[in-house]
Amino acid sequence: MTIHLTREWSRSTDAEAIVVGGGPAGSAFATQLADAGHRVVLLDKARFPRHKACSEYINPAATRLLADLDVLDDVMGAGADRMEAMVVHSPNGGRFVADYARAEPGQAALGLSRYRLDHILLERAKAAGVRVVERAHVRSLILEKGRPVGVEATINGTRETIRAPLIAGADGHHSVVSRDLELDAPVRWPCKTGLIAHYRGVSGLERFGEMHVGQGAYGGLAILEDGLTNVAV
């Protein structure tokens, strides 16, 4: 993959790119930039590894991206469970099976906790040369003539400024990058709430994930590592 940064930069900047957020999107993007030869700083307010509320279901397309990043073996070695299909249950009692291998032989979805997946991707970014700074709480963008040129962050209790010609926001809900660039979409009520839990001893799934669709809500089950099942509603 070839990535070109279109803005000029100089040695007076701290990096060519700053990625805010160390989840899968941020780590993967930072890795691709670093693999292309760019100097990258990744900032996240968390300390890794850490748990994250998520359905923890990796669809077949995302599985291929993990292979492209050369981390699929690490993901499987961490205990990821292979799901060959998704069984969808409808509100009227019907069901259908989305068989991934029928669409493309050999493809499958995976289940792995964010505790392990995010750590693997972050380590891959570090190996590519990304400067990863944990416990870095980005407070605001630095804007010059309306253009982002850096961030202000609190790192280990100290306020610091980091500058780069490219800022990538992968900081999820309540994104500081989106907020300061006035890209936030208006919230429409009522908001939906998601609940996630891990259970042991769930039987009957084996090689499949499940989705149960109801009126105005749905629930999903995905098999994870070490005998865990993710239940998301």
C-alpha atoms as a PDB file:
ATOM      1  CA  MET A   1       0.000   0.000   0.000  1.00  0.00           C
ATOM      2  CA  THR A   2       1.358   3.434  -0.958  1.00  0.00           C
ATOM      3  CA  ILE A   3       0.416   6.426   1.187  1.00  0.00           C
ATOM      4  CA  HIS A   4       1.368   9.976   0.250  1.00  0.00           C
ATOM      5  CA  LEU A   5       1.174  12.886   2.690  1.00  0.00           C
ATOM      6  CA  THR A   6       0.142  15.910   0.691  1.00  0.00           C
ATOM      7  CA  ARG A   7       1.121  18.603   3.188  1.00  0.00           C
ATOM      8  CA  GLU A   8       4.649  19.885   3.586  1.00  0.00           C
ATOM      9  CA  TRP A   9       6.513  19.173   6.789  1.00  0.00           C
ATOM     10  CA  SER A  10       9.867  20.126   8.236  1.00  0.00           C
ATOM     11  CA  ARG A  11      12.226  18.817  10.874  1.00  0.00           C
ATOM     12  CA  SER A  12      10.758  21.405  13.248  1.00  0.00           C
ATOM     13  CA  THR A  13       7.653  19.244  13.542  1.00  0.00           C
ATOM     14  CA  ASP A  14       7.525  16.284  15.919  1.00  0.00           C
ATOM     15  CA  ALA A  15       6.253  13.861  13.287  1.00  0.00           C
ATOM     16  CA  GLU A  16       4.744  13.648   9.845  1.00  0.00           C
ATOM     17  CA  ALA A  17       1.475  12.345  11.270  1.00  0.00           C
ATOM     18  CA  ILE A  18      -0.319  12.185  14.605  1.00  0.00           C
ATOM     19  CA  VAL A  19      -2.935   9.481  15.102  1.00  0.00           C
ATOM     20  CA  VAL A  20      -5.318  10.095  17.995  1.00  0.00           C
ATOM     21  CA  GLY A  21      -6.698   6.790  19.267  1.00  0.00           C
ATOM     22  CA  GLY A  22      -5.011   3.412  19.660  1.00  0.00           C
ATOM     23  CA  GLY A  23      -7.897   1.085  18.853  1.00  0.00           C
ATOM     24  CA  PRO A  24      -7.919  -1.141  15.753  1.00  0.00           C
ATOM     25  CA  ALA A  25      -8.514   1.725  13.296  1.00  0.00           C
ATOM     26  CA  GLY A  26      -5.859   3.991  14.789  1.00  0.00           C
ATOM     27  CA  SER A  27      -3.232   1.280  15.192  1.00  0.00           C
ATOM     28  CA  ALA A  28      -3.822  -0.094  11.694  1.00  0.00           C
ATOM     29  CA  PHE A  29      -3.634   3.337  10.062  1.00  0.00           C
ATOM     30  CA  ALA A  30      -0.515   4.286  12.016  1.00  0.00           C
ATOM     31  CA  THR A  31       1.115   1.002  10.991  1.00  0.00           C
ATOM     32  CA  GLN A  32       0.350   1.588   7.316  1.00  0.00           C
ATOM     33  CA  LEU A  33       1.830   5.084   7.490  1.00  0.00           C
ATOM     34  CA  ALA A  34       4.961   3.815   9.235  1.00  0.00           C
ATOM     35  CA  ASP A  35       5.338   0.921   6.804  1.00  0.00           C
ATOM     36  CA  ALA A  36       5.272   3.525   4.028  1.00  0.00           C
ATOM     37  CA  GLY A  37       8.237   5.285   5.648  1.00  0.00           C
ATOM     38  CA  HIS A  38       6.526   8.102   7.553  1.00  0.00           C
ATOM     39  CA  ARG A  39       7.263   9.305  11.085  1.00  0.00           C
ATOM     40  CA  VAL A  40       4.149   8.690  13.167  1.00  0.00           C
ATOM     41  CA  VAL A  41       3.086   9.433  16.737  1.00  0.00           C
ATOM     42  CA  LEU A  42       0.055   7.583  18.133  1.00  0.00           C
ATOM     43  CA  LEU A  43      -1.650   8.923  21.260  1.00  0.00           C
ATOM     44  CA  ASP A  44      -4.193   7.158  23.455  1.00  0.00           C
ATOM     45  CA  LYS A  45      -5.469   8.010  26.918  1.00  0.00           C
ATOM     46  CA  ALA A  46      -5.619   4.334  27.965  1.00  0.00           C
ATOM     47  CA  ARG A  47      -2.947   1.984  29.203  1.00  0.00           C
ATOM     48  CA  PHE A  48      -2.769  -1.200  27.115  1.00  0.00           C
ATOM     49  CA  PRO A  49      -3.807  -3.941  27.258  1.00  0.00           C
ATOM     50  CA  ARG A  50      -7.249  -2.903  28.449  1.00  0.00           C
ATOM     51  CA  HIS A  51     -10.812  -4.148  28.155  1.00  0.00           C
ATOM     52  CA  LYS A  52     -13.216  -2.359  25.808  1.00  0.00           C
ATOM     53  CA  ALA A  53     -16.985  -2.618  25.453  1.00  0.00           C
ATOM     54  CA  CYS A  54     -17.449  -4.128  21.994  1.00  0.00           C
ATOM     55  CA  SER A  55     -19.168  -7.054  20.276  1.00  0.00           C
ATOM     56  CA  GLU A  56     -15.634  -8.391  19.610  1.00  0.00           C
ATOM     57  CA  TYR A  57     -16.706  -9.892  16.306  1.00  0.00           C
ATOM     58  CA  ILE A  58     -14.199  -9.603  13.451  1.00  0.00           C
ATOM     59  CA  ASN A  59     -15.995  -9.983  10.127  1.00  0.00           C
ATOM     60  CA  PRO A  60     -14.355 -11.731   7.145  1.00  0.00           C
ATOM     61  CA  ALA A  61     -13.318  -8.450   5.493  1.00  0.00           C
ATOM     62  CA  ALA A  62     -11.586  -7.321   8.696  1.00  0.00           C
ATOM     63  CA  THR A  63      -9.931 -10.736   8.958  1.00  0.00           C
ATOM     64  CA  ARG A  64      -8.362 -10.157   5.547  1.00  0.00           C
ATOM     65  CA  LEU A  65      -7.087  -6.780   6.745  1.00  0.00           C
ATOM     66  CA  LEU A  66      -5.412  -8.491   9.694  1.00  0.00           C
ATOM     67  CA  ALA A  67      -3.656 -10.760   7.205  1.00  0.00           C
ATOM     68  CA  ASP A  68      -2.553  -7.713   5.194  1.00  0.00           C
ATOM     69  CA  LEU A  69      -1.044  -6.261   8.379  1.00  0.00           C
ATOM     70  CA  ASP A  70       0.819  -9.537   9.032  1.00  0.00           C
ATOM     71  CA  VAL A  71      -0.854 -10.055  12.406  1.00  0.00           C
ATOM     72  CA  LEU A  72      -3.313 -12.833  11.572  1.00  0.00           C
ATOM     73  CA  ASP A  73      -0.985 -15.527  12.926  1.00  0.00           C
ATOM     74  CA  ASP A  74      -0.624 -13.539  16.155  1.00  0.00           C
ATOM     75  CA  VAL A  75      -4.402 -13.172  16.403  1.00  0.00           C
ATOM     76  CA  MET A  76      -4.945 -16.898  15.923  1.00  0.00           C
ATOM     77  CA  GLY A  77      -2.148 -17.639  18.377  1.00  0.00           C
ATOM     78  CA  ALA A  78      -3.936 -15.473  20.950  1.00  0.00           C
ATOM     79  CA  GLY A  79      -6.869 -17.893  20.827  1.00  0.00           C
ATOM     80  CA  ALA A  80      -9.207 -16.264  18.309  1.00  0.00           C
ATOM     81  CA  ASP A  81     -12.203 -18.463  17.544  1.00  0.00           C
ATOM     82  CA  ARG A  82     -13.093 -19.125  13.923  1.00  0.00           C
ATOM     83  CA  MET A  83     -16.757 -18.626  12.957  1.00  0.00           C
ATOM     84  CA  GLU A  84     -17.730 -20.048   9.581  1.00  0.00           C
ATOM     85  CA  ALA A  85     -21.193 -18.482   9.496  1.00  0.00           C
ATOM     86  CA  MET A  86     -23.608 -16.116  11.213  1.00  0.00           C
ATOM     87  CA  VAL A  87     -27.063 -17.410  12.122  1.00  0.00           C
ATOM     88  CA  VAL A  88     -29.627 -14.599  12.092  1.00  0.00           C
ATOM     89  CA  HIS A  89     -32.943 -15.022  13.938  1.00  0.00           C
ATOM     90  CA  SER A  90     -35.768 -12.687  12.881  1.00  0.00           C
ATOM     91  CA  PRO A  91     -38.563 -11.278  15.088  1.00  0.00           C
ATOM     92  CA  ASN A  92     -41.148 -13.618  13.521  1.00  0.00           C
ATOM     93  CA  GLY A  93     -39.177 -16.730  14.424  1.00  0.00           C
ATOM     94  CA  GLY A  94     -37.527 -17.236  11.052  1.00  0.00           C
ATOM     95  CA  ARG A  95     -33.817 -17.760  10.627  1.00  0.00           C
ATOM     96  CA  PHE A  96     -31.218 -17.771   7.916  1.00  0.00           C
ATOM     97  CA  VAL A  97     -27.554 -18.659   7.791  1.00  0.00           C
ATOM     98  CA  ALA A  98     -24.942 -16.348   6.274  1.00  0.00           C
ATOM     99  CA  ASP A  99     -22.343 -18.911   5.200  1.00  0.00           C
ATOM    100  CA  TYR A 100     -19.104 -17.013   4.609  1.00  0.00           C
ATOM    101  CA  ALA A 101     -17.362 -19.865   2.801  1.00  0.00           C
ATOM    102  CA  ARG A 102     -20.128 -20.005   0.187  1.00  0.00           C
ATOM    103  CA  ALA A 103     -19.324 -16.423  -0.783  1.00  0.00           C
ATOM    104  CA  GLU A 104     -15.582 -17.095  -0.833  1.00  0.00           C
ATOM    105  CA  PRO A 105     -14.046 -20.488  -0.023  1.00  0.00           C
ATOM    106  CA  GLY A 106     -11.999 -20.494   3.147  1.00  0.00           C
ATOM    107  CA  GLN A 107     -13.133 -17.168   4.537  1.00  0.00           C
ATOM    108  CA  ALA A 108     -14.460 -16.879   8.074  1.00  0.00           C
ATOM    109  CA  ALA A 109     -15.129 -14.411  10.854  1.00  0.00           C
ATOM    110  CA  LEU A 110     -13.162 -14.382  14.096  1.00  0.00           C
ATOM    111  CA  GLY A 111     -13.911 -13.729  17.733  1.00  0.00           C
ATOM    112  CA  LEU A 112     -11.231 -12.246  19.989  1.00  0.00           C
ATOM    113  CA  SER A 113     -11.444  -9.921  22.969  1.00  0.00           C
ATOM    114  CA  ARG A 114     -10.413  -6.317  22.485  1.00  0.00           C
ATOM    115  CA  TYR A 115      -8.075  -6.854  25.427  1.00  0.00           C
ATOM    116  CA  ARG A 116      -5.955  -9.090  23.195  1.00  0.00           C
ATOM    117  CA  LEU A 117      -6.722  -7.741  19.714  1.00  0.00           C
ATOM    118  CA  ASP A 118      -5.908  -4.108  20.476  1.00  0.00           C
ATOM    119  CA  HIS A 119      -2.681  -5.086  22.211  1.00  0.00           C
ATOM    120  CA  ILE A 120      -1.561  -7.147  19.202  1.00  0.00           C
ATOM    121  CA  LEU A 121      -2.265  -4.301  16.778  1.00  0.00           C
ATOM    122  CA  LEU A 122      -0.531  -1.752  18.980  1.00  0.00           C
ATOM    123  CA  GLU A 123       2.563  -3.945  19.226  1.00  0.00           C
ATOM    124  CA  ARG A 124       2.548  -4.245  15.434  1.00  0.00           C
ATOM    125  CA  ALA A 125       2.492  -0.446  15.195  1.00  0.00           C
ATOM    126  CA  LYS A 126       5.457  -0.191  17.556  1.00  0.00           C
ATOM    127  CA  ALA A 127       7.369  -2.766  15.511  1.00  0.00           C
ATOM    128  CA  ALA A 128       6.743  -0.648  12.397  1.00  0.00           C
ATOM    129  CA  GLY A 129       8.377   2.323  14.113  1.00  0.00           C
ATOM    130  CA  VAL A 130       5.326   4.174  15.398  1.00  0.00           C
ATOM    131  CA  ARG A 131       5.994   6.174  18.555  1.00  0.00           C
ATOM    132  CA  VAL A 132       3.153   5.025  20.809  1.00  0.00           C
ATOM    133  CA  VAL A 133       2.340   7.238  23.789  1.00  0.00           C
ATOM    134  CA  GLU A 134      -0.114   5.749  26.273  1.00  0.00           C
ATOM    135  CA  ARG A 135      -1.967   7.689  28.967  1.00  0.00           C
ATOM    136  CA  ALA A 136      -1.900  10.664  26.623  1.00  0.00           C
ATOM    137  CA  HIS A 137      -5.161  12.586  26.945  1.00  0.00           C
ATOM    138  CA  VAL A 138      -5.571  14.795  23.871  1.00  0.00           C
ATOM    139  CA  ARG A 139      -7.317  17.982  24.991  1.00  0.00           C
ATOM    140  CA  SER A 140      -7.557  19.976  21.780  1.00  0.00           C
ATOM    141  CA  LEU A 141      -6.236  20.503  18.282  1.00  0.00           C
ATOM    142  CA  ILE A 142      -3.842  23.303  17.441  1.00  0.00           C
ATOM    143  CA  LEU A 143      -5.401  25.224  14.560  1.00  0.00           C
ATOM    144  CA  GLU A 144      -3.636  27.747  12.357  1.00  0.00           C
ATOM    145  CA  LYS A 145      -5.822  29.543   9.818  1.00  0.00           C
ATOM    146  CA  GLY A 146      -8.422  26.859  10.400  1.00  0.00           C
ATOM    147  CA  ARG A 147      -6.024  24.030   9.604  1.00  0.00           C
ATOM    148  CA  PRO A 148      -4.931  21.456  12.224  1.00  0.00           C
ATOM    149  CA  VAL A 149      -1.165  21.509  12.751  1.00  0.00           C
ATOM    150  CA  GLY A 150      -0.843  19.683  16.055  1.00  0.00           C
ATOM    151  CA  VAL A 151      -2.451  18.661  19.326  1.00  0.00           C
ATOM    152  CA  GLU A 152      -2.302  19.668  22.960  1.00  0.00           C
ATOM    153  CA  ALA A 153      -2.262  16.666  25.278  1.00  0.00           C
ATOM    154  CA  THR A 154      -1.777  15.831  28.930  1.00  0.00           C
ATOM    155  CA  ILE A 155       0.854  13.097  29.188  1.00  0.00           C
ATOM    156  CA  ASN A 156       1.623  11.704  32.639  1.00  0.00           C
ATOM    157  CA  GLY A 157       0.178  14.849  34.181  1.00  0.00           C
ATOM    158  CA  THR A 158       2.187  17.248  32.016  1.00  0.00           C
ATOM    159  CA  ARG A 159       0.654  19.455  29.340  1.00  0.00           C
ATOM    160  CA  GLU A 160       2.522  18.966  26.061  1.00  0.00           C
ATOM    161  CA  THR A 161       2.264  20.182  22.480  1.00  0.00           C
ATOM    162  CA  ILE A 162       2.939  17.850  19.560  1.00  0.00           C
ATOM    163  CA  ARG A 163       2.962  19.156  16.000  1.00  0.00           C
ATOM    164  CA  ALA A 164       2.518  17.395  12.655  1.00  0.00           C
ATOM    165  CA  PRO A 165       1.084  18.330   9.248  1.00  0.00           C
ATOM    166  CA  LEU A 166      -1.396  15.435   9.304  1.00  0.00           C
ATOM    167  CA  ILE A 167      -3.792  14.676  12.174  1.00  0.00           C
ATOM    168  CA  ALA A 168      -5.905  11.511  12.040  1.00  0.00           C
ATOM    169  CA  GLY A 169      -8.824  11.149  14.425  1.00  0.00           C
ATOM    170  CA  ALA A 170      -9.490   7.554  15.472  1.00  0.00           C
ATOM    171  CA  ASP A 171     -10.692   8.476  18.944  1.00  0.00           C
ATOM    172  CA  GLY A 172     -14.216   7.139  18.583  1.00  0.00           C
ATOM    173  CA  HIS A 173     -17.306   8.535  20.260  1.00  0.00           C
ATOM    174  CA  HIS A 174     -16.825  12.062  21.652  1.00  0.00           C
ATOM    175  CA  SER A 175     -13.830  12.484  19.330  1.00  0.00           C
ATOM    176  CA  VAL A 176     -11.728  15.534  20.155  1.00  0.00           C
ATOM    177  CA  VAL A 177     -10.576  15.713  16.535  1.00  0.00           C
ATOM    178  CA  SER A 178     -14.143  15.750  15.189  1.00  0.00           C
ATOM    179  CA  ARG A 179     -15.243  18.225  17.849  1.00  0.00           C
ATOM    180  CA  ASP A 180     -12.527  20.764  17.147  1.00  0.00           C
ATOM    181  CA  LEU A 181     -13.018  20.488  13.382  1.00  0.00           C
ATOM    182  CA  GLU A 182     -16.781  20.880  13.900  1.00  0.00           C
ATOM    183  CA  LEU A 183     -17.458  17.553  12.211  1.00  0.00           C
ATOM    184  CA  ASP A 184     -19.643  16.108  14.968  1.00  0.00           C
ATOM    185  CA  ALA A 185     -23.014  14.904  13.735  1.00  0.00           C
ATOM    186  CA  PRO A 186     -25.992  16.090  15.806  1.00  0.00           C
ATOM    187  CA  VAL A 187     -27.286  13.530  18.291  1.00  0.00           C
ATOM    188  CA  ARG A 188     -30.785  12.297  17.543  1.00  0.00           C
ATOM    189  CA  TRP A 189     -32.897  11.066  20.413  1.00  0.00           C
ATOM    190  CA  PRO A 190     -33.653   8.572  21.686  1.00  0.00           C
ATOM    191  CA  CYS A 191     -30.099   7.292  21.876  1.00  0.00           C
ATOM    192  CA  LYS A 192     -29.482   3.564  21.769  1.00  0.00           C
ATOM    193  CA  THR A 193     -27.715   1.799  24.599  1.00  0.00           C
ATOM    194  CA  GLY A 194     -25.459  -1.222  24.236  1.00  0.00           C
ATOM    195  CA  LEU A 195     -24.631  -3.723  26.967  1.00  0.00           C
ATOM    196  CA  ILE A 196     -21.753  -6.206  26.746  1.00  0.00           C
ATOM    197  CA  ALA A 197     -20.942  -9.199  28.943  1.00  0.00           C
ATOM    198  CA  HIS A 198     -18.665 -12.249  28.829  1.00  0.00           C
ATOM    199  CA  TYR A 199     -20.038 -15.661  29.788  1.00  0.00           C
ATOM    200  CA  ARG A 200     -18.588 -19.140  30.150  1.00  0.00           C
ATOM    201  CA  GLY A 201     -20.326 -22.427  29.465  1.00  0.00           C
ATOM    202  CA  VAL A 202     -22.418 -21.257  26.496  1.00  0.00           C
ATOM    203  CA  SER A 203     -23.105 -24.281  24.290  1.00  0.00           C
ATOM    204  CA  GLY A 204     -24.602 -24.786  20.844  1.00  0.00           C
ATOM    205  CA  LEU A 205     -22.531 -22.222  18.956  1.00  0.00           C
ATOM    206  CA  GLU A 206     -19.409 -24.194  18.001  1.00  0.00           C
ATOM    207  CA  ARG A 207     -18.546 -22.815  14.536  1.00  0.00           C
ATOM    208  CA  PHE A 208     -21.190 -20.083  14.302  1.00  0.00           C
ATOM    209  CA  GLY A 209     -22.025 -16.667  15.649  1.00  0.00           C
ATOM    210  CA  GLU A 210     -25.625 -15.675  16.289  1.00  0.00           C
ATOM    211  CA  MET A 211     -27.704 -12.526  15.879  1.00  0.00           C
ATOM    212  CA  HIS A 212     -31.219 -12.184  17.307  1.00  0.00           C
ATOM    213  CA  VAL A 213     -33.187  -9.291  15.825  1.00  0.00           C
ATOM    214  CA  GLY A 214     -36.191  -7.850  17.661  1.00  0.00           C
ATOM    215  CA  GLN A 215     -38.390  -4.782  17.443  1.00  0.00           C
ATOM    216  CA  GLY A 216     -36.028  -1.840  17.915  1.00  0.00           C
ATOM    217  CA  ALA A 217     -33.242  -3.974  19.351  1.00  0.00           C
ATOM    218  CA  TYR A 218     -30.939  -6.861  18.579  1.00  0.00           C
ATOM    219  CA  GLY A 219     -28.513  -9.125  20.364  1.00  0.00           C
ATOM    220  CA  GLY A 220     -25.422 -10.955  19.205  1.00  0.00           C
ATOM    221  CA  LEU A 221     -23.283 -13.833  20.416  1.00  0.00           C
ATOM    222  CA  ALA A 222     -19.671 -14.387  19.394  1.00  0.00           C
ATOM    223  CA  ILE A 223     -17.267 -17.056  20.593  1.00  0.00           C
ATOM    224  CA  LEU A 224     -14.008 -15.678  21.997  1.00  0.00           C
ATOM    225  CA  GLU A 225     -10.791 -17.121  23.377  1.00  0.00           C
ATOM    226  CA  ASP A 226     -10.462 -19.306  26.470  1.00  0.00           C
ATOM    227  CA  GLY A 227     -14.042 -20.586  26.411  1.00  0.00           C
ATOM    228  CA  LEU A 228     -15.622 -17.127  26.621  1.00  0.00           C
ATOM    229  CA  THR A 229     -18.711 -15.989  24.728  1.00  0.00           C
ATOM    230  CA  ASN A 230     -19.435 -12.327  24.090  1.00  0.00           C
ATOM    231  CA  VAL A 231     -23.110 -11.416  24.527  1.00  0.00           C
ATOM    232  CA  ALA A 232     -24.017  -7.969  23.203  1.00  0.00           C
ATOM    233  CA  VAL A 233     -27.470  -6.355  23.278  1.00  0.00           C
END
